[in-house]
């Protein structure tokens, strides 16, 4: 059950979580990315209650992260596919999975992704400028073009104005 809405927060992370921030959505997106596109396949793989899956799919369609595509007319049957926005979430899901592989999977990774180059190493977030891996201690922040002092960034605006914190 949703506790609060982040839709009116002036924060890109909060607005993203408004669409994909429940427990089930990242798993649903993972499964759709991996090729499970039909309602019954998702229910079977995840063990999610049907009503809850229907609600999460509707929310993901409403958030333009997935699209519902009819694959049969009589009776009408649909499957779900990632939209461009959904495909852009795949690296985020891989990064979260890599974190889980490192910190929550003592027996090793349950699933391994293989890049088209053949590499099976965990995904890495790298700097677009120099190509080095991004780690928390190497980052500084400044206000962006959409910056405002509002719910979700109220205190952050002051931190950024003061040169940021690490």
N, C-alpha and C. Protein backbone atom coordinates (compact mmCIF):
# COMPACT_ATOMS: atom_id res chain seq x y z
N UNK A 1 0.83 -1.17 0.00
CA UNK A 1 0.00 0.00 0.00
C UNK A 1 0.89 1.25 0.00
N UNK A 2 0.57 2.20 -0.84
CA UNK A 2 1.34 3.43 -0.96
C UNK A 2 1.11 4.29 0.28
N UNK A 3 2.22 4.75 0.85
CA UNK A 3 2.15 5.58 2.04
C UNK A 3 2.00 7.07 1.70
N UNK A 4 2.71 7.52 0.71
CA UNK A 4 2.71 8.94 0.36
C UNK A 4 2.98 9.08 -1.13
N UNK A 5 2.65 10.22 -1.67
CA UNK A 5 2.92 10.48 -3.08
C UNK A 5 4.11 11.42 -3.20
N UNK A 6 4.97 11.15 -4.17
CA UNK A 6 6.12 11.99 -4.45
C UNK A 6 5.89 12.84 -5.70
N UNK A 7 4.69 12.78 -6.27
CA UNK A 7 4.43 13.45 -7.55
C UNK A 7 4.68 14.95 -7.51
N UNK A 8 4.43 15.58 -6.36
CA UNK A 8 4.60 17.04 -6.31
C UNK A 8 5.97 17.45 -5.77
N UNK A 9 6.85 16.48 -5.52
CA UNK A 9 8.20 16.83 -5.06
C UNK A 9 9.02 17.37 -6.22
N UNK A 10 9.82 18.36 -5.93
CA UNK A 10 10.67 18.98 -6.94
C UNK A 10 12.02 18.25 -6.96
N UNK A 11 11.99 16.98 -7.35
CA UNK A 11 13.18 16.14 -7.31
C UNK A 11 13.00 15.03 -8.34
N UNK A 12 13.97 14.88 -9.22
CA UNK A 12 13.87 13.87 -10.28
C UNK A 12 13.83 12.46 -9.71
N UNK A 13 14.59 12.19 -8.64
CA UNK A 13 14.57 10.87 -8.03
C UNK A 13 13.20 10.58 -7.44
N UNK A 14 12.62 11.54 -6.74
CA UNK A 14 11.29 11.35 -6.15
C UNK A 14 10.25 11.11 -7.23
N UNK A 15 10.30 11.88 -8.30
CA UNK A 15 9.33 11.71 -9.38
C UNK A 15 9.50 10.37 -10.08
N UNK A 16 10.72 9.88 -10.16
CA UNK A 16 10.97 8.55 -10.72
C UNK A 16 10.37 7.48 -9.81
N UNK A 17 10.58 7.64 -8.51
CA UNK A 17 10.05 6.67 -7.56
C UNK A 17 8.52 6.66 -7.54
N UNK A 18 7.91 7.78 -7.89
CA UNK A 18 6.46 7.84 -7.98
C UNK A 18 5.95 6.80 -8.98
N UNK A 19 6.71 6.55 -10.03
CA UNK A 19 6.31 5.61 -11.07
C UNK A 19 6.81 4.20 -10.79
N UNK A 20 8.06 4.04 -10.36
CA UNK A 20 8.65 2.70 -10.25
C UNK A 20 9.11 2.35 -8.84
N UNK A 21 8.71 3.12 -7.83
CA UNK A 21 9.29 2.98 -6.51
C UNK A 21 8.65 2.00 -5.55
N UNK A 22 7.75 1.16 -6.00
CA UNK A 22 7.22 0.14 -5.09
C UNK A 22 8.08 -1.11 -5.20
N UNK A 23 7.84 -2.12 -4.40
CA UNK A 23 8.65 -3.33 -4.42
C UNK A 23 8.52 -4.11 -5.71
N UNK A 24 7.34 -4.13 -6.30
CA UNK A 24 7.09 -5.01 -7.43
C UNK A 24 7.53 -4.46 -8.78
N UNK A 25 7.44 -3.16 -8.97
CA UNK A 25 7.69 -2.59 -10.30
C UNK A 25 9.06 -2.93 -10.89
N UNK A 26 10.16 -2.81 -10.12
CA UNK A 26 11.45 -3.18 -10.72
C UNK A 26 11.51 -4.65 -11.14
N UNK A 27 10.85 -5.53 -10.38
CA UNK A 27 10.84 -6.95 -10.74
C UNK A 27 9.99 -7.19 -11.99
N UNK A 28 8.88 -6.49 -12.09
CA UNK A 28 8.04 -6.59 -13.29
C UNK A 28 8.81 -6.09 -14.50
N UNK A 29 9.48 -4.96 -14.37
CA UNK A 29 10.27 -4.42 -15.48
C UNK A 29 11.40 -5.37 -15.87
N UNK A 30 12.06 -5.95 -14.88
CA UNK A 30 13.11 -6.95 -15.16
C UNK A 30 12.55 -8.10 -15.97
N UNK A 31 11.42 -8.63 -15.53
CA UNK A 31 10.84 -9.79 -16.22
C UNK A 31 10.43 -9.43 -17.65
N UNK A 32 9.84 -8.27 -17.84
CA UNK A 32 9.45 -7.86 -19.19
C UNK A 32 10.70 -7.71 -20.06
N UNK A 33 11.74 -7.11 -19.51
CA UNK A 33 13.00 -6.98 -20.24
C UNK A 33 13.57 -8.35 -20.63
N UNK A 34 13.43 -9.32 -19.74
CA UNK A 34 13.97 -10.66 -19.99
C UNK A 34 13.07 -11.51 -20.89
N UNK A 35 11.90 -10.98 -21.29
CA UNK A 35 11.07 -11.68 -22.25
C UNK A 35 9.76 -12.22 -21.74
N UNK A 36 9.46 -12.06 -20.46
CA UNK A 36 8.17 -12.49 -19.93
C UNK A 36 7.21 -11.32 -20.12
N UNK A 37 6.34 -11.41 -21.09
CA UNK A 37 5.54 -10.25 -21.45
C UNK A 37 4.04 -10.43 -21.21
N UNK A 38 3.63 -11.62 -20.92
CA UNK A 38 2.20 -11.86 -20.74
C UNK A 38 1.85 -11.93 -19.26
N UNK A 39 0.63 -11.52 -18.96
CA UNK A 39 0.14 -11.43 -17.59
C UNK A 39 0.39 -12.73 -16.83
N UNK A 40 -0.02 -13.86 -17.41
CA UNK A 40 0.13 -15.15 -16.74
C UNK A 40 1.58 -15.51 -16.46
N UNK A 41 2.48 -15.16 -17.38
CA UNK A 41 3.90 -15.43 -17.18
C UNK A 41 4.44 -14.63 -15.99
N UNK A 42 4.00 -13.38 -15.89
CA UNK A 42 4.46 -12.54 -14.79
C UNK A 42 3.93 -13.04 -13.45
N UNK A 43 2.67 -13.44 -13.42
CA UNK A 43 2.08 -14.01 -12.19
C UNK A 43 2.85 -15.25 -11.77
N UNK A 44 3.11 -16.14 -12.74
CA UNK A 44 3.79 -17.39 -12.43
C UNK A 44 5.22 -17.16 -11.95
N UNK A 45 5.95 -16.28 -12.63
CA UNK A 45 7.35 -16.08 -12.26
C UNK A 45 7.49 -15.37 -10.92
N UNK A 46 6.70 -14.33 -10.70
CA UNK A 46 6.87 -13.52 -9.50
C UNK A 46 6.05 -14.01 -8.31
N UNK A 47 5.01 -14.78 -8.55
CA UNK A 47 4.14 -15.19 -7.45
C UNK A 47 3.35 -14.02 -6.89
N UNK A 48 3.13 -13.02 -7.70
CA UNK A 48 2.42 -11.81 -7.30
C UNK A 48 0.91 -12.03 -7.42
N UNK A 49 0.12 -11.54 -6.49
CA UNK A 49 -1.33 -11.65 -6.64
C UNK A 49 -1.80 -10.95 -7.93
N UNK A 50 -2.77 -11.56 -8.58
CA UNK A 50 -3.23 -11.06 -9.88
C UNK A 50 -3.74 -9.61 -9.81
N UNK A 51 -4.48 -9.29 -8.78
CA UNK A 51 -5.01 -7.93 -8.66
C UNK A 51 -3.88 -6.91 -8.47
N UNK A 52 -2.88 -7.28 -7.71
CA UNK A 52 -1.75 -6.39 -7.49
C UNK A 52 -0.95 -6.21 -8.79
N UNK A 53 -0.74 -7.30 -9.52
CA UNK A 53 -0.05 -7.20 -10.80
C UNK A 53 -0.82 -6.30 -11.77
N UNK A 54 -2.12 -6.48 -11.83
CA UNK A 54 -2.93 -5.66 -12.73
C UNK A 54 -2.79 -4.17 -12.37
N UNK A 55 -2.80 -3.87 -11.08
CA UNK A 55 -2.65 -2.47 -10.65
C UNK A 55 -1.27 -1.93 -10.98
N UNK A 56 -0.22 -2.72 -10.78
CA UNK A 56 1.14 -2.26 -11.07
C UNK A 56 1.33 -2.09 -12.58
N UNK A 57 0.80 -3.01 -13.38
CA UNK A 57 0.90 -2.88 -14.84
C UNK A 57 0.19 -1.61 -15.30
N UNK A 58 -1.00 -1.36 -14.77
CA UNK A 58 -1.74 -0.14 -15.14
C UNK A 58 -0.93 1.11 -14.79
N UNK A 59 -0.29 1.09 -13.62
CA UNK A 59 0.52 2.24 -13.20
C UNK A 59 1.74 2.42 -14.10
N UNK A 60 2.36 1.33 -14.48
CA UNK A 60 3.54 1.42 -15.36
C UNK A 60 3.15 1.86 -16.77
N UNK A 61 1.98 1.42 -17.24
CA UNK A 61 1.47 1.91 -18.53
C UNK A 61 1.16 3.40 -18.40
N UNK A 62 0.50 3.79 -17.31
CA UNK A 62 0.17 5.20 -17.08
C UNK A 62 1.40 6.08 -16.96
N UNK A 63 2.48 5.52 -16.45
CA UNK A 63 3.74 6.25 -16.33
C UNK A 63 4.59 6.20 -17.59
N UNK A 64 4.05 5.58 -18.64
CA UNK A 64 4.72 5.48 -19.95
C UNK A 64 6.04 4.72 -19.88
N UNK A 65 6.13 3.76 -18.95
CA UNK A 65 7.33 2.94 -18.82
C UNK A 65 7.17 1.63 -19.60
N UNK A 66 5.93 1.15 -19.69
CA UNK A 66 5.62 -0.02 -20.52
C UNK A 66 4.41 0.33 -21.37
N UNK A 67 4.21 -0.46 -22.41
CA UNK A 67 3.02 -0.31 -23.24
C UNK A 67 2.30 -1.65 -23.30
N UNK A 68 0.99 -1.58 -23.42
CA UNK A 68 0.13 -2.75 -23.51
C UNK A 68 -0.20 -2.94 -24.99
N UNK A 69 0.15 -4.11 -25.52
CA UNK A 69 0.01 -4.38 -26.95
C UNK A 69 -0.87 -5.61 -27.14
N UNK A 70 -1.91 -5.47 -27.93
CA UNK A 70 -2.78 -6.60 -28.21
C UNK A 70 -2.07 -7.58 -29.15
N UNK A 71 -2.05 -8.86 -28.76
CA UNK A 71 -1.44 -9.87 -29.62
C UNK A 71 -2.48 -10.87 -30.13
N UNK A 72 -3.71 -10.78 -29.62
CA UNK A 72 -4.79 -11.66 -30.07
C UNK A 72 -6.10 -10.88 -29.92
N UNK A 73 -6.99 -11.01 -30.94
CA UNK A 73 -8.23 -10.24 -30.90
C UNK A 73 -9.40 -10.98 -30.28
N UNK A 74 -9.56 -12.25 -30.56
CA UNK A 74 -10.73 -12.99 -30.05
C UNK A 74 -10.31 -14.26 -29.35
N UNK A 75 -10.33 -14.30 -28.06
CA UNK A 75 -10.61 -13.19 -27.15
C UNK A 75 -9.41 -12.23 -27.13
N UNK A 76 -9.67 -11.02 -26.72
CA UNK A 76 -8.63 -10.00 -26.67
C UNK A 76 -7.58 -10.36 -25.62
N UNK A 77 -6.34 -10.42 -26.06
CA UNK A 77 -5.23 -10.73 -25.15
C UNK A 77 -4.10 -9.74 -25.42
N UNK A 78 -3.39 -9.41 -24.34
CA UNK A 78 -2.35 -8.39 -24.44
C UNK A 78 -1.04 -8.88 -23.86
N UNK A 79 0.01 -8.23 -24.30
CA UNK A 79 1.31 -8.42 -23.69
C UNK A 79 1.88 -7.05 -23.39
N UNK A 80 2.94 -7.02 -22.63
CA UNK A 80 3.54 -5.77 -22.19
C UNK A 80 4.96 -5.67 -22.71
N UNK A 81 5.31 -4.48 -23.18
CA UNK A 81 6.65 -4.23 -23.71
C UNK A 81 7.19 -2.94 -23.10
N UNK A 82 8.49 -2.89 -22.96
CA UNK A 82 9.12 -1.67 -22.46
C UNK A 82 9.02 -0.57 -23.51
N UNK A 83 8.72 0.63 -23.07
CA UNK A 83 8.78 1.81 -23.93
C UNK A 83 10.23 2.29 -23.95
N UNK A 84 10.49 3.37 -24.64
CA UNK A 84 11.85 3.94 -24.62
C UNK A 84 12.25 4.29 -23.18
N UNK A 85 11.31 4.87 -22.43
CA UNK A 85 11.59 5.20 -21.03
C UNK A 85 11.88 3.93 -20.22
N UNK A 86 11.16 2.86 -20.49
CA UNK A 86 11.40 1.59 -19.81
C UNK A 86 12.75 1.00 -20.17
N UNK A 87 13.12 1.07 -21.44
CA UNK A 87 14.43 0.57 -21.87
C UNK A 87 15.55 1.38 -21.22
N UNK A 88 15.32 2.67 -21.03
CA UNK A 88 16.32 3.50 -20.35
C UNK A 88 16.49 3.13 -18.88
N UNK A 89 15.53 2.43 -18.30
CA UNK A 89 15.64 1.97 -16.92
C UNK A 89 16.47 0.70 -16.77
N UNK A 90 16.69 -0.03 -17.85
CA UNK A 90 17.42 -1.30 -17.77
C UNK A 90 18.80 -1.13 -17.13
N UNK A 91 19.62 -0.14 -17.52
CA UNK A 91 20.90 0.02 -16.83
C UNK A 91 20.76 0.31 -15.33
N UNK A 92 19.70 1.01 -14.96
CA UNK A 92 19.44 1.29 -13.55
C UNK A 92 19.14 -0.02 -12.82
N UNK A 93 18.31 -0.86 -13.43
CA UNK A 93 17.99 -2.17 -12.84
C UNK A 93 19.24 -3.03 -12.73
N UNK A 94 20.11 -2.98 -13.74
CA UNK A 94 21.36 -3.75 -13.71
C UNK A 94 22.28 -3.25 -12.60
N UNK A 95 22.33 -1.93 -12.41
CA UNK A 95 23.17 -1.39 -11.34
C UNK A 95 22.64 -1.82 -9.96
N UNK A 96 21.34 -1.79 -9.78
CA UNK A 96 20.76 -2.23 -8.51
C UNK A 96 20.98 -3.73 -8.31
N UNK A 97 20.88 -4.49 -9.39
CA UNK A 97 21.16 -5.93 -9.32
C UNK A 97 22.61 -6.19 -8.94
N UNK A 98 23.54 -5.43 -9.53
CA UNK A 98 24.96 -5.59 -9.20
C UNK A 98 25.20 -5.29 -7.72
N UNK A 99 24.51 -4.27 -7.18
CA UNK A 99 24.62 -3.98 -5.76
C UNK A 99 24.13 -5.17 -4.94
N UNK A 100 22.99 -5.73 -5.34
CA UNK A 100 22.45 -6.90 -4.64
C UNK A 100 23.36 -8.11 -4.75
N UNK A 101 23.99 -8.29 -5.92
CA UNK A 101 24.94 -9.39 -6.08
C UNK A 101 26.11 -9.24 -5.11
N UNK A 102 26.56 -8.01 -4.91
CA UNK A 102 27.71 -7.78 -4.04
C UNK A 102 27.35 -7.85 -2.56
N UNK A 103 26.21 -7.24 -2.19
CA UNK A 103 25.90 -7.07 -0.78
C UNK A 103 24.81 -7.98 -0.23
N UNK A 104 24.04 -8.65 -1.08
CA UNK A 104 22.91 -9.45 -0.60
C UNK A 104 22.85 -10.86 -1.18
N UNK A 105 23.89 -11.29 -1.86
CA UNK A 105 23.89 -12.63 -2.48
C UNK A 105 25.15 -13.39 -2.10
N UNK A 106 25.20 -13.91 -0.87
CA UNK A 106 26.43 -14.58 -0.41
C UNK A 106 26.81 -15.81 -1.23
N UNK A 107 25.85 -16.42 -1.91
CA UNK A 107 26.14 -17.61 -2.72
C UNK A 107 26.48 -17.27 -4.16
N UNK A 108 26.51 -15.99 -4.49
CA UNK A 108 26.81 -15.56 -5.85
C UNK A 108 25.57 -15.05 -6.56
N UNK A 109 25.82 -14.46 -7.69
CA UNK A 109 24.75 -13.84 -8.48
C UNK A 109 23.75 -14.88 -8.97
N UNK A 110 22.45 -14.65 -8.78
CA UNK A 110 21.44 -15.58 -9.29
C UNK A 110 21.30 -15.55 -10.81
N UNK A 111 21.66 -14.42 -11.42
CA UNK A 111 21.57 -14.28 -12.86
C UNK A 111 22.74 -13.41 -13.30
N UNK A 112 23.32 -13.75 -14.44
CA UNK A 112 24.48 -13.01 -14.94
C UNK A 112 24.15 -12.44 -16.31
N UNK A 113 24.39 -11.16 -16.48
CA UNK A 113 24.17 -10.51 -17.78
C UNK A 113 25.45 -10.61 -18.61
N UNK A 114 25.27 -10.85 -19.89
CA UNK A 114 26.40 -10.94 -20.82
C UNK A 114 26.25 -9.85 -21.86
N UNK A 115 27.20 -8.95 -21.94
CA UNK A 115 27.18 -7.88 -22.93
C UNK A 115 27.51 -8.45 -24.31
N UNK A 116 27.13 -7.75 -25.36
CA UNK A 116 27.38 -8.25 -26.72
C UNK A 116 28.86 -8.45 -27.00
N UNK A 117 29.76 -7.78 -26.22
CA UNK A 117 31.20 -7.98 -26.40
C UNK A 117 31.68 -9.25 -25.74
N UNK A 118 30.81 -9.89 -24.96
CA UNK A 118 31.16 -11.13 -24.28
C UNK A 118 31.47 -10.96 -22.80
N UNK A 119 31.62 -9.73 -22.34
CA UNK A 119 31.94 -9.49 -20.93
C UNK A 119 30.78 -9.89 -20.03
N UNK A 120 31.13 -10.48 -18.90
CA UNK A 120 30.12 -10.85 -17.90
C UNK A 120 30.36 -10.11 -16.58
N UNK A 121 31.18 -9.09 -16.62
CA UNK A 121 31.44 -8.33 -15.41
C UNK A 121 30.20 -7.52 -15.05
N UNK A 122 30.08 -7.13 -13.78
CA UNK A 122 28.92 -6.30 -13.41
C UNK A 122 28.96 -4.99 -14.19
N UNK A 123 27.80 -4.39 -14.43
CA UNK A 123 27.78 -3.11 -15.13
C UNK A 123 28.48 -2.05 -14.28
N UNK A 124 29.04 -1.07 -14.95
CA UNK A 124 29.72 0.00 -14.24
C UNK A 124 29.15 1.34 -14.70
N UNK A 125 28.95 2.22 -13.77
CA UNK A 125 28.54 3.58 -14.10
C UNK A 125 29.83 4.37 -14.23
N UNK A 126 30.05 4.95 -15.39
CA UNK A 126 31.29 5.67 -15.63
C UNK A 126 31.02 7.11 -16.02
N UNK A 127 32.01 7.94 -15.79
CA UNK A 127 31.92 9.35 -16.15
C UNK A 127 31.92 9.48 -17.66
N UNK A 128 30.96 10.26 -18.18
CA UNK A 128 30.90 10.47 -19.63
C UNK A 128 32.09 11.27 -20.13
N UNK A 129 32.74 12.04 -19.25
CA UNK A 129 33.87 12.86 -19.66
C UNK A 129 35.18 12.10 -19.74
N UNK A 130 35.49 11.32 -18.69
CA UNK A 130 36.81 10.67 -18.64
C UNK A 130 36.75 9.15 -18.70
N UNK A 131 35.56 8.57 -18.54
CA UNK A 131 35.44 7.12 -18.61
C UNK A 131 35.78 6.38 -17.33
N UNK A 132 36.16 7.09 -16.27
CA UNK A 132 36.47 6.43 -15.00
C UNK A 132 35.19 6.07 -14.26
N UNK A 133 35.23 5.00 -13.47
CA UNK A 133 34.05 4.64 -12.68
C UNK A 133 33.64 5.77 -11.73
N UNK A 134 32.33 5.94 -11.58
CA UNK A 134 31.81 6.95 -10.66
C UNK A 134 31.66 6.32 -9.29
N UNK A 135 32.26 6.94 -8.30
CA UNK A 135 32.09 6.53 -6.91
C UNK A 135 31.66 7.75 -6.11
N UNK A 136 30.96 7.53 -5.04
CA UNK A 136 30.34 8.61 -4.28
C UNK A 136 31.32 9.70 -3.88
N UNK A 137 32.50 9.36 -3.43
CA UNK A 137 33.45 10.34 -2.95
C UNK A 137 34.03 11.24 -4.02
N UNK A 138 33.83 10.89 -5.29
CA UNK A 138 34.40 11.69 -6.38
C UNK A 138 33.42 12.70 -6.96
N UNK A 139 32.26 12.85 -6.37
CA UNK A 139 31.23 13.70 -6.96
C UNK A 139 31.04 15.00 -6.21
N UNK A 140 30.86 16.05 -6.95
CA UNK A 140 30.42 17.35 -6.44
C UNK A 140 29.14 17.68 -7.19
N UNK A 141 28.33 18.55 -6.63
CA UNK A 141 27.04 18.87 -7.23
C UNK A 141 26.85 20.38 -7.34
N UNK A 142 26.05 20.78 -8.29
CA UNK A 142 25.65 22.17 -8.42
C UNK A 142 24.19 22.19 -8.86
N UNK A 143 23.55 23.32 -8.68
CA UNK A 143 22.15 23.45 -9.09
C UNK A 143 22.03 23.32 -10.60
N UNK A 144 21.00 22.62 -11.05
CA UNK A 144 20.74 22.44 -12.47
C UNK A 144 19.72 23.43 -12.97
N UNK A 145 19.38 23.37 -14.26
CA UNK A 145 18.45 24.33 -14.83
C UNK A 145 17.04 24.26 -14.23
N UNK A 146 16.67 23.12 -13.67
CA UNK A 146 15.35 22.99 -13.08
C UNK A 146 15.35 23.16 -11.57
N UNK A 147 16.44 23.66 -11.02
CA UNK A 147 16.57 23.79 -9.57
C UNK A 147 15.54 24.76 -8.99
N UNK A 148 15.04 24.41 -7.82
CA UNK A 148 14.12 25.27 -7.08
C UNK A 148 14.15 24.85 -5.62
N UNK A 149 13.86 25.79 -4.75
CA UNK A 149 13.74 25.46 -3.34
C UNK A 149 12.29 25.05 -3.12
N UNK A 150 12.06 23.76 -3.05
CA UNK A 150 10.71 23.22 -2.93
C UNK A 150 10.79 21.89 -2.19
N UNK A 151 9.64 21.30 -1.89
CA UNK A 151 9.60 20.00 -1.23
C UNK A 151 10.40 19.00 -2.04
N UNK A 152 11.34 18.35 -1.39
CA UNK A 152 12.19 17.37 -2.05
C UNK A 152 13.58 17.90 -2.33
N UNK A 153 13.73 19.23 -2.37
CA UNK A 153 15.05 19.84 -2.57
C UNK A 153 15.24 21.06 -1.68
N UNK A 154 14.39 21.21 -0.71
CA UNK A 154 14.41 22.40 0.13
C UNK A 154 15.76 22.61 0.81
N UNK A 155 16.27 21.60 1.47
CA UNK A 155 17.55 21.71 2.16
C UNK A 155 18.72 21.52 1.20
N UNK A 156 18.52 20.73 0.17
CA UNK A 156 19.58 20.49 -0.81
C UNK A 156 20.00 21.79 -1.47
N UNK A 157 19.05 22.67 -1.76
CA UNK A 157 19.38 23.95 -2.40
C UNK A 157 20.41 24.71 -1.56
N UNK A 158 20.26 24.71 -0.24
CA UNK A 158 21.21 25.38 0.64
C UNK A 158 22.58 24.72 0.62
N UNK A 159 22.60 23.40 0.57
CA UNK A 159 23.86 22.67 0.51
C UNK A 159 24.59 23.00 -0.79
N UNK A 160 23.85 23.02 -1.90
CA UNK A 160 24.47 23.32 -3.19
C UNK A 160 24.97 24.76 -3.23
N UNK A 161 24.22 25.67 -2.64
CA UNK A 161 24.64 27.07 -2.62
C UNK A 161 25.92 27.26 -1.81
N UNK A 162 26.12 26.39 -0.82
CA UNK A 162 27.31 26.47 0.01
C UNK A 162 28.49 25.68 -0.52
N UNK A 163 28.42 25.22 -1.75
CA UNK A 163 29.52 24.49 -2.35
C UNK A 163 29.40 22.98 -2.26
N UNK A 164 28.30 22.49 -1.70
CA UNK A 164 28.07 21.05 -1.66
C UNK A 164 28.79 20.38 -0.49
N UNK A 165 28.39 19.16 -0.21
CA UNK A 165 28.99 18.32 0.82
C UNK A 165 29.35 17.00 0.21
N UNK A 166 30.27 16.34 0.83
CA UNK A 166 30.60 14.97 0.41
C UNK A 166 30.27 14.02 1.51
